[in-house]
C-alpha atoms as a PDB file:
ATOM      1  CA  MET A   1     -10.702  -3.978  16.179  1.00  0.00           C
ATOM      2  CA  ASP A   2      -8.954  -0.629  15.722  1.00  0.00           C
ATOM      3  CA  SER A   3     -10.949   2.155  14.159  1.00  0.00           C
ATOM      4  CA  PRO A   4      -9.654   3.354  10.795  1.00  0.00           C
ATOM      5  CA  GLN A   5      -8.605   6.737  12.205  1.00  0.00           C
ATOM      6  CA  SER A   6      -6.958   5.525  15.406  1.00  0.00           C
ATOM      7  CA  ILE A   7      -3.640   4.391  13.950  1.00  0.00           C
ATOM      8  CA  LYS A   8      -1.355   5.874  11.299  1.00  0.00           C
ATOM      9  CA  VAL A   9      -0.607   3.644   8.297  1.00  0.00           C
ATOM     10  CA  LEU A  10       2.289   4.386   5.940  1.00  0.00           C
ATOM     11  CA  MET A  11       2.038   3.326   2.290  1.00  0.00           C
ATOM     12  CA  TYR A  12       5.328   2.701   0.481  1.00  0.00           C
ATOM     13  CA  HIS A  13       5.923   1.295  -2.984  1.00  0.00           C
ATOM     14  CA  GLY A  14       9.393   0.997  -4.510  1.00  0.00           C
ATOM     15  CA  ILE A  15      12.599   1.377  -2.469  1.00  0.00           C
ATOM     16  CA  VAL A  16      15.307   1.879  -5.071  1.00  0.00           C
ATOM     17  CA  ASN A  17      19.085   1.620  -5.051  1.00  0.00           C
ATOM     18  CA  GLY A  18      19.943   1.778  -8.769  1.00  0.00           C
ATOM     19  CA  LYS A  19      20.878  -1.911  -8.839  1.00  0.00           C
ATOM     20  CA  CYS A  20      17.654  -3.861  -8.381  1.00  0.00           C
ATOM     21  CA  PRO A  21      15.703  -3.914 -11.696  1.00  0.00           C
ATOM     22  CA  LEU A  22      12.446  -1.993 -11.863  1.00  0.00           C
ATOM     23  CA  PRO A  23       9.313  -3.370 -13.574  1.00  0.00           C
ATOM     24  CA  ASP A  24       8.570  -2.410 -17.163  1.00  0.00           C
ATOM     25  CA  ASP A  25       4.788  -2.447 -16.697  1.00  0.00           C
ATOM     26  CA  ARG A  26       4.289   0.135 -13.982  1.00  0.00           C
ATOM     27  CA  GLU A  27       1.444   2.612 -14.267  1.00  0.00           C
ATOM     28  CA  THR A  28       2.076   6.245 -15.190  1.00  0.00           C
ATOM     29  CA  GLY A  29       3.542   8.180 -12.280  1.00  0.00           C
ATOM     30  CA  ALA A  30       4.727   5.159 -10.295  1.00  0.00           C
ATOM     31  CA  ASP A  31       8.163   6.742  -9.925  1.00  0.00           C
ATOM     32  CA  LEU A  32       6.591   9.477  -7.778  1.00  0.00           C
ATOM     33  CA  TYR A  33       6.515   6.888  -4.978  1.00  0.00           C
ATOM     34  CA  ASP A  34      10.057   5.497  -5.421  1.00  0.00           C
ATOM     35  CA  LEU A  35      12.184   6.241  -2.354  1.00  0.00           C
ATOM     36  CA  PRO A  36      15.987   6.067  -2.523  1.00  0.00           C
ATOM     37  CA  VAL A  37      17.261   3.492  -0.075  1.00  0.00           C
ATOM     38  CA  ALA A  38      19.067   6.032   2.123  1.00  0.00           C
ATOM     39  CA  GLN A  39      15.892   8.085   2.413  1.00  0.00           C
ATOM     40  CA  PHE A  40      13.853   5.038   3.416  1.00  0.00           C
ATOM     41  CA  GLU A  41      16.406   4.194   6.097  1.00  0.00           C
ATOM     42  CA  ARG A  42      16.135   7.738   7.451  1.00  0.00           C
ATOM     43  CA  HIS A  43      12.364   7.305   7.625  1.00  0.00           C
ATOM     44  CA  MET A  44      12.725   4.108   9.637  1.00  0.00           C
ATOM     45  CA  SER A  45      15.285   5.758  11.881  1.00  0.00           C
ATOM     46  CA  LEU A  46      12.869   8.623  12.511  1.00  0.00           C
ATOM     47  CA  LEU A  47      10.215   6.155  13.666  1.00  0.00           C
ATOM     48  CA  LYS A  48      12.684   4.524  16.043  1.00  0.00           C
ATOM     49  CA  GLU A  49      14.011   7.818  17.429  1.00  0.00           C
ATOM     50  CA  ASN A  50      10.492   9.084  18.101  1.00  0.00           C
ATOM     51  CA  GLY A  51       9.360   5.951  19.881  1.00  0.00           C
ATOM     52  CA  PHE A  52       6.876   4.686  17.316  1.00  0.00           C
ATOM     53  CA  ILE A  53       5.784   1.090  17.791  1.00  0.00           C
ATOM     54  CA  VAL A  54       5.337  -0.736  14.483  1.00  0.00           C
ATOM     55  CA  ARG A  55       2.125  -2.728  14.671  1.00  0.00           C
ATOM     56  CA  ASP A  56       0.874  -6.014  13.242  1.00  0.00           C
ATOM     57  CA  LEU A  57      -2.886  -5.500  13.144  1.00  0.00           C
ATOM     58  CA  SER A  58      -3.554  -9.229  13.489  1.00  0.00           C
ATOM     59  CA  SER A  59      -2.163  -9.080  17.009  1.00  0.00           C
ATOM     60  CA  ASN A  60      -4.764  -9.275  19.763  1.00  0.00           C
ATOM     61  CA  SER A  61      -2.735  -7.039  22.044  1.00  0.00           C
ATOM     62  CA  PRO A  62      -4.413  -3.771  23.065  1.00  0.00           C
ATOM     63  CA  GLN A  63      -3.467  -0.737  21.056  1.00  0.00           C
ATOM     64  CA  GLN A  64      -0.865   1.553  22.563  1.00  0.00           C
ATOM     65  CA  GLU A  65      -0.112   5.194  21.901  1.00  0.00           C
ATOM     66  CA  ASN A  66       2.337   6.032  19.125  1.00  0.00           C
ATOM     67  CA  GLU A  67       1.654   2.869  17.115  1.00  0.00           C
ATOM     68  CA  ILE A  68       2.091   2.766  13.356  1.00  0.00           C
ATOM     69  CA  VAL A  69       1.631   0.296  10.493  1.00  0.00           C
ATOM     70  CA  ILE A  70       4.005  -0.006   7.513  1.00  0.00           C
ATOM     71  CA  THR A  71       2.700  -1.257   4.156  1.00  0.00           C
ATOM     72  CA  PHE A  72       4.130  -1.813   0.669  1.00  0.00           C
ATOM     73  CA  ASP A  73       2.036  -2.092  -2.488  1.00  0.00           C
ATOM     74  CA  ASP A  74       2.703  -3.993  -5.751  1.00  0.00           C
ATOM     75  CA  GLY A  75       5.216  -6.708  -4.790  1.00  0.00           C
ATOM     76  CA  GLU A  76       8.297  -5.299  -6.483  1.00  0.00           C
ATOM     77  CA  LEU A  77      11.584  -7.155  -6.110  1.00  0.00           C
ATOM     78  CA  ASN A  78      13.194  -4.165  -4.391  1.00  0.00           C
ATOM     79  CA  ASN A  79      10.814  -4.707  -1.464  1.00  0.00           C
ATOM     80  CA  LEU A  80      12.713  -7.909  -0.681  1.00  0.00           C
ATOM     81  CA  LYS A  81      16.213  -6.980  -1.775  1.00  0.00           C
ATOM     82  CA  VAL A  82      16.344  -3.381  -0.540  1.00  0.00           C
ATOM     83  CA  ALA A  83      13.549  -2.670   1.964  1.00  0.00           C
ATOM     84  CA  LEU A  84      13.554  -5.937   3.924  1.00  0.00           C
ATOM     85  CA  PRO A  85      17.139  -5.687   5.271  1.00  0.00           C
ATOM     86  CA  ILE A  86      16.363  -2.210   6.606  1.00  0.00           C
ATOM     87  CA  LEU A  87      13.127  -3.354   8.217  1.00  0.00           C
ATOM     88  CA  LYS A  88      15.000  -6.239   9.854  1.00  0.00           C
ATOM     89  CA  LYS A  89      17.711  -3.868  11.059  1.00  0.00           C
ATOM     90  CA  PHE A  90      15.116  -1.878  12.992  1.00  0.00           C
ATOM     91  CA  GLY A  91      13.104  -4.912  14.056  1.00  0.00           C
ATOM     92  CA  TYR A  92      10.027  -3.793  12.123  1.00  0.00           C
ATOM     93  CA  VAL A  93       7.268  -5.884  10.584  1.00  0.00           C
ATOM     94  CA  ALA A  94       5.453  -4.713   7.443  1.00  0.00           C
ATOM     95  CA  TYR A  95       2.611  -5.712   5.136  1.00  0.00           C
ATOM     96  CA  PHE A  96       3.470  -6.531   1.511  1.00  0.00           C
ATOM     97  CA  PHE A  97       0.604  -6.537  -0.980  1.00  0.00           C
ATOM     98  CA  ILE A  98       1.129  -8.636  -4.095  1.00  0.00           C
ATOM     99  CA  ILE A  99      -0.258  -8.108  -7.618  1.00  0.00           C
ATOM    100  CA  VAL A 100      -0.730 -11.804  -8.332  1.00  0.00           C
ATOM    101  CA  GLY A 101      -0.743 -11.497 -12.121  1.00  0.00           C
ATOM    102  CA  ARG A 102       2.702  -9.880 -12.062  1.00  0.00           C
ATOM    103  CA  VAL A 103       4.467 -12.384  -9.797  1.00  0.00           C
ATOM    104  CA  GLY A 104       7.725 -13.477 -11.439  1.00  0.00           C
ATOM    105  CA  ARG A 105       7.797 -10.741 -14.073  1.00  0.00           C
ATOM    106  CA  LYS A 106      10.828  -8.489 -14.447  1.00  0.00           C
ATOM    107  CA  GLY A 107      11.166  -6.303 -11.371  1.00  0.00           C
ATOM    108  CA  TYR A 108       8.628  -8.257  -9.303  1.00  0.00           C
ATOM    109  CA  MET A 109       9.172 -10.985  -6.723  1.00  0.00           C
ATOM    110  CA  ASN A 110       8.571 -14.606  -7.672  1.00  0.00           C
ATOM    111  CA  TRP A 111       6.848 -17.061  -5.339  1.00  0.00           C
ATOM    112  CA  GLU A 112      10.063 -18.249  -3.706  1.00  0.00           C
ATOM    113  CA  GLU A 113      11.005 -14.659  -2.932  1.00  0.00           C
ATOM    114  CA  ILE A 114       7.546 -13.917  -1.558  1.00  0.00           C
ATOM    115  CA  LYS A 115       7.899 -17.020   0.634  1.00  0.00           C
ATOM    116  CA  GLU A 116      11.182 -15.607   1.905  1.00  0.00           C
ATOM    117  CA  LEU A 117       9.396 -12.421   2.947  1.00  0.00           C
ATOM    118  CA  GLN A 118       6.897 -14.496   4.866  1.00  0.00           C
ATOM    119  CA  GLN A 119       9.615 -16.605   6.485  1.00  0.00           C
ATOM    120  CA  GLN A 120      11.295 -13.402   7.648  1.00  0.00           C
ATOM    121  CA  GLY A 121       8.169 -12.524   9.610  1.00  0.00           C
ATOM    122  CA  MET A 122       6.547 -10.166   7.124  1.00  0.00           C
ATOM    123  CA  ILE A 123       2.822 -10.239   6.335  1.00  0.00           C
ATOM    124  CA  VAL A 124       1.749 -10.951   2.756  1.00  0.00           C
ATOM    125  CA  GLY A 125      -1.610  -9.830   1.378  1.00  0.00           C
ATOM    126  CA  SER A 126      -3.460  -9.400  -1.902  1.00  0.00           C
ATOM    127  CA  HIS A 127      -3.332  -6.383  -4.194  1.00  0.00           C
ATOM    128  CA  GLY A 128      -5.643  -8.028  -6.712  1.00  0.00           C
ATOM    129  CA  LEU A 129      -4.904 -10.050  -9.830  1.00  0.00           C
ATOM    130  CA  SER A 130      -4.174  -7.317 -12.350  1.00  0.00           C
ATOM    131  CA  HIS A 131      -4.019  -3.951 -10.514  1.00  0.00           C
ATOM    132  CA  GLN A 132      -7.130  -2.740 -12.297  1.00  0.00           C
ATOM    133  CA  ILE A 133      -9.459  -0.132 -10.847  1.00  0.00           C
ATOM    134  CA  LEU A 134     -11.973  -2.504  -9.292  1.00  0.00           C
ATOM    135  CA  THR A 135     -14.942  -0.134  -9.272  1.00  0.00           C
ATOM    136  CA  SER A 136     -14.780   0.010 -13.085  1.00  0.00           C
ATOM    137  CA  LEU A 137     -15.338  -3.762 -13.382  1.00  0.00           C
ATOM    138  CA  MET A 138     -18.450  -5.935 -13.450  1.00  0.00           C
ATOM    139  CA  ASP A 139     -19.397  -7.792 -10.284  1.00  0.00           C
ATOM    140  CA  THR A 140     -18.139 -11.103 -11.666  1.00  0.00           C
ATOM    141  CA  GLN A 141     -14.772  -9.520 -12.522  1.00  0.00           C
ATOM    142  CA  ILE A 142     -14.473  -7.972  -9.063  1.00  0.00           C
ATOM    143  CA  ASP A 143     -15.223 -11.351  -7.525  1.00  0.00           C
ATOM    144  CA  GLU A 144     -12.485 -12.944  -9.635  1.00  0.00           C
ATOM    145  CA  GLU A 145      -9.926 -10.244  -8.776  1.00  0.00           C
ATOM    146  CA  LEU A 146     -10.510 -10.646  -5.055  1.00  0.00           C
ATOM    147  CA  ARG A 147     -11.216 -14.358  -4.805  1.00  0.00           C
ATOM    148  CA  ALA A 148      -8.595 -15.708  -7.232  1.00  0.00           C
ATOM    149  CA  SER A 149      -5.795 -13.477  -5.987  1.00  0.00           C
ATOM    150  CA  LYS A 150      -6.478 -14.552  -2.398  1.00  0.00           C
ATOM    151  CA  ARG A 151      -6.630 -18.231  -3.294  1.00  0.00           C
ATOM    152  CA  THR A 152      -3.498 -18.136  -5.468  1.00  0.00           C
ATOM    153  CA  ILE A 153      -1.406 -16.606  -2.692  1.00  0.00           C
ATOM    154  CA  GLU A 154      -2.812 -19.080  -0.179  1.00  0.00           C
ATOM    155  CA  VAL A 155      -1.900 -22.056  -2.392  1.00  0.00           C
ATOM    156  CA  ASN A 156       1.621 -20.805  -3.058  1.00  0.00           C
ATOM    157  CA  LEU A 157       2.390 -19.794   0.521  1.00  0.00           C
ATOM    158  CA  SER A 158       0.405 -22.536   2.276  1.00  0.00           C
ATOM    159  CA  THR A 159      -1.180 -20.018   4.593  1.00  0.00           C
ATOM    160  CA  GLN A 160      -4.446 -18.146   4.956  1.00  0.00           C
ATOM    161  CA  ILE A 161      -4.526 -14.671   3.411  1.00  0.00           C
ATOM    162  CA  GLU A 162      -6.704 -12.193   5.280  1.00  0.00           C
ATOM    163  CA  THR A 163      -5.393  -8.768   4.225  1.00  0.00           C
ATOM    164  CA  LEU A 164      -6.174  -6.759   1.102  1.00  0.00           C
ATOM    165  CA  SER A 165      -4.913  -3.500  -0.344  1.00  0.00           C
ATOM    166  CA  ILE A 166      -7.421  -2.146  -2.852  1.00  0.00           C
ATOM    167  CA  PRO A 167      -5.597  -1.012  -6.016  1.00  0.00           C
ATOM    168  CA  ARG A 168      -5.534   2.450  -7.540  1.00  0.00           C
ATOM    169  CA  GLY A 169      -7.480   4.352  -4.890  1.00  0.00           C
ATOM    170  CA  PHE A 170     -11.052   3.756  -6.063  1.00  0.00           C
ATOM    171  CA  CYS A 171     -13.373   2.014  -3.625  1.00  0.00           C
ATOM    172  CA  ASN A 172     -16.917   2.078  -2.322  1.00  0.00           C
ATOM    173  CA  ASP A 173     -18.976   0.328   0.357  1.00  0.00           C
ATOM    174  CA  SER A 174     -20.128  -2.406  -2.017  1.00  0.00           C
ATOM    175  CA  LEU A 175     -16.531  -3.307  -2.858  1.00  0.00           C
ATOM    176  CA  ILE A 176     -15.463  -3.341   0.794  1.00  0.00           C
ATOM    177  CA  HIS A 177     -18.434  -5.519   1.758  1.00  0.00           C
ATOM    178  CA  LYS A 178     -17.628  -7.954  -1.055  1.00  0.00           C
ATOM    179  CA  ALA A 179     -14.047  -8.267   0.186  1.00  0.00           C
ATOM    180  CA  TYR A 180     -15.220  -9.047   3.710  1.00  0.00           C
ATOM    181  CA  GLU A 181     -17.663 -11.634   2.373  1.00  0.00           C
ATOM    182  CA  LEU A 182     -14.779 -13.376   0.576  1.00  0.00           C
ATOM    183  CA  GLY A 183     -12.815 -13.775   3.796  1.00  0.00           C
ATOM    184  CA  TYR A 184     -10.595 -10.716   4.037  1.00  0.00           C
ATOM    185  CA  LYS A 185     -10.434  -9.387   7.581  1.00  0.00           C
ATOM    186  CA  THR A 186      -8.233  -6.291   7.228  1.00  0.00           C
ATOM    187  CA  ILE A 187      -8.608  -3.935   4.262  1.00  0.00           C
ATOM    188  CA  PHE A 188      -6.343  -1.030   3.340  1.00  0.00           C
ATOM    189  CA  ILE A 189      -7.164   1.791   0.925  1.00  0.00           C
ATOM    190  CA  SER A 190      -5.380   5.026   0.060  1.00  0.00           C
ATOM    191  CA  ASP A 191      -7.446   8.210   0.551  1.00  0.00           C
ATOM    192  CA  ARG A 192     -10.783   7.550   2.210  1.00  0.00           C
ATOM    193  CA  PRO A 193     -13.749   8.714   0.068  1.00  0.00           C
ATOM    194  CA  ASP A 194     -15.948  11.185   1.914  1.00  0.00           C
ATOM    195  CA  ASP A 195     -19.046   8.994   1.581  1.00  0.00           C
ATOM    196  CA  LEU A 196     -17.427   5.681   2.581  1.00  0.00           C
ATOM    197  CA  LYS A 197     -19.005   4.141   5.680  1.00  0.00           C
ATOM    198  CA  SER A 198     -17.242   0.751   5.795  1.00  0.00           C
ATOM    199  CA  HIS A 199     -14.434  -0.126   8.186  1.00  0.00           C
ATOM    200  CA  CYS A 200     -11.038  -0.037   6.497  1.00  0.00           C
ATOM    201  CA  PHE A 201      -7.657   1.618   6.976  1.00  0.00           C
ATOM    202  CA  SER A 202      -6.714   4.683   4.970  1.00  0.00           C
ATOM    203  CA  ARG A 203      -3.003   5.358   4.505  1.00  0.00           C
ATOM    204  CA  ILE A 204      -0.400   8.080   4.206  1.00  0.00           C
ATOM    205  CA  ALA A 205       1.075   7.795   0.695  1.00  0.00           C
ATOM    206  CA  ILE A 206       4.831   8.356   0.959  1.00  0.00           C
ATOM    207  CA  LYS A 207       6.318  10.190  -2.023  1.00  0.00           C
ATOM    208  CA  ASN A 208       9.908  10.213  -3.235  1.00  0.00           C
ATOM    209  CA  ARG A 209      10.699  13.791  -2.213  1.00  0.00           C
ATOM    210  CA  TRP A 210       9.586  13.358   1.370  1.00  0.00           C
ATOM    211  CA  ASP A 211      12.408  14.064   3.764  1.00  0.00           C
ATOM    212  CA  VAL A 212      12.123  13.284   7.467  1.00  0.00           C
ATOM    213  CA  LYS A 213      10.522  16.666   8.166  1.00  0.00           C
ATOM    214  CA  GLN A 214       7.693  15.978   5.723  1.00  0.00           C
ATOM    215  CA  LEU A 215       7.199  12.526   7.196  1.00  0.00           C
ATOM    216  CA  SER A 216       7.143  14.018  10.716  1.00  0.00           C
ATOM    217  CA  ASN A 217       4.537  16.558   9.623  1.00  0.00           C
ATOM    218  CA  ALA A 218       2.387  13.855   8.038  1.00  0.00           C
ATOM    219  CA  LEU A 219       2.555  11.710  11.177  1.00  0.00           C
ATOM    220  CA  ALA A 220       1.526  14.745  13.219  1.00  0.00           C
ATOM    221  CA  GLY A 221      -1.386  15.426  10.866  1.00  0.00           C
ATOM    222  CA  LYS A 222       0.219  18.549   9.402  1.00  0.00           C
ATOM    223  CA  LYS A 223      -0.112  18.980   5.649  1.00  0.00           C
ATOM    224  CA  THR A 224       1.816  21.259   3.314  1.00  0.00           C
ATOM    225  CA  TRP A 225      -0.034  23.375   0.766  1.00  0.00           C
ATOM    226  CA  ALA A 226       1.212  21.169  -2.075  1.00  0.00           C
ATOM    227  CA  SER A 227       0.204  17.878  -0.440  1.00  0.00           C
ATOM    228  CA  SER A 228      -3.214  19.235   0.547  1.00  0.00           C
ATOM    229  CA  ALA A 229      -3.793  20.633  -2.939  1.00  0.00           C
ATOM    230  CA  PHE A 230      -2.700  17.386  -4.583  1.00  0.00           C
ATOM    231  CA  ARG A 231      -4.981  15.300  -2.377  1.00  0.00           C
ATOM    232  CA  SER A 232      -7.990  17.613  -2.772  1.00  0.00           C
ATOM    233  CA  THR A 233      -7.553  17.915  -6.531  1.00  0.00           C
ATOM    234  CA  LYS A 234      -7.110  14.164  -6.934  1.00  0.00           C
ATOM    235  CA  LYS A 235     -10.242  13.408  -4.894  1.00  0.00           C
ATOM    236  CA  PHE A 236     -12.230  15.975  -6.899  1.00  0.00           C
ATOM    237  CA  ILE A 237     -11.095  14.525 -10.224  1.00  0.00           C
ATOM    238  CA  LYS A 238     -11.855  10.988  -9.063  1.00  0.00           C
ATOM    239  CA  LYS A 239     -15.371  12.050  -8.123  1.00  0.00           C
ATOM    240  CA  LEU A 240     -15.970  14.175 -11.226  1.00  0.00           C
ATOM    241  CA  LEU A 241     -14.332  12.115 -13.970  1.00  0.00           C
ATOM    242  CA  ARG A 242     -14.642   8.645 -12.451  1.00  0.00           C
ATOM    243  CA  GLU A 243     -12.409   5.698 -13.225  1.00  0.00           C
ATOM    244  CA  ASN A 244     -11.809   5.741 -16.967  1.00  0.00           C
ATOM    245  CA  ALA A 245     -10.937   9.414 -17.321  1.00  0.00           C
ATOM    246  CA  TYR A 246      -8.854   9.533 -14.137  1.00  0.00           C
ATOM    247  CA  ASN A 247      -5.963   7.631 -15.666  1.00  0.00           C
ATOM    248  CA  LYS A 248      -5.716  10.192 -18.471  1.00  0.00           C
ATOM    249  CA  VAL A 249      -5.238  13.178 -16.175  1.00  0.00           C
ATOM    250  CA  ARG A 250      -3.260  11.518 -13.364  1.00  0.00           C
ATOM    251  CA  SER A 251       0.115  12.116 -15.009  1.00  0.00           C
ATOM    252  CA  ILE A 252      -0.701  15.823 -15.410  1.00  0.00           C
ATOM    253  CA  LEU A 253      -1.632  16.085 -11.727  1.00  0.00           C
ATOM    254  CA  ILE A 254       1.609  14.431 -10.697  1.00  0.00           C
ATOM    255  CA  LYS A 255       3.727  16.859 -12.734  1.00  0.00           C
ATOM    256  CA  ILE A 256       1.953  19.865 -11.222  1.00  0.00           C
ATOM    257  CA  PHE A 257       2.202  18.838  -7.571  1.00  0.00           C
ATOM    258  CA  LYS A 258       5.353  16.699  -7.528  1.00  0.00           C
END
């Protein structure tokens, strides 16, 4: 199994074109991660031009240099209508993580559309039932979020679901261990907490103002002052204020560092 630091993982959300409807129930600041379609295509072109190999982590093939993983969180309809044709154009596979409780709502894919993603060779995983911060819940609620979301996708897609993207950036070793116990084999998070020991894959969160130069820098491990400050401040606030207070200051953070 690949180590969490040995392969770069990109985290996308909405890919927008002004035509596909957006959800009404997004969290504050979700638009920070909306990429215009032309910008997303430039990102994919950059990967191709620089010889990146887009990886399916379930493959048993040995890891090669310059491999990368592409992921999408939330299950928005634009992932199918806008992002998928571009991925297919470049011959790329990606992971799509579904908020099960929002399937079929305005701006989200329904089950038939999620099946289409799967039939096109994409990998579908769980993003929980309700997109809540899991570490703020009781153990029984965490179990329900992870177990029921997995089972619901499996029933609707008639396939085993083994990948999980933990919502909202809060995680700990207990949560990761619980997910493995419930049958998940590959777990993605956003920023890795400093004290986390469990195996999982942290990701590069792609923001809407990232041009190809910023993406190139991120892939090379170079960080701008603004991105470093945003990440450090966010991690500090998460640690200091914990789950409940974090939501109240997140929108302020986004305005400062956007």
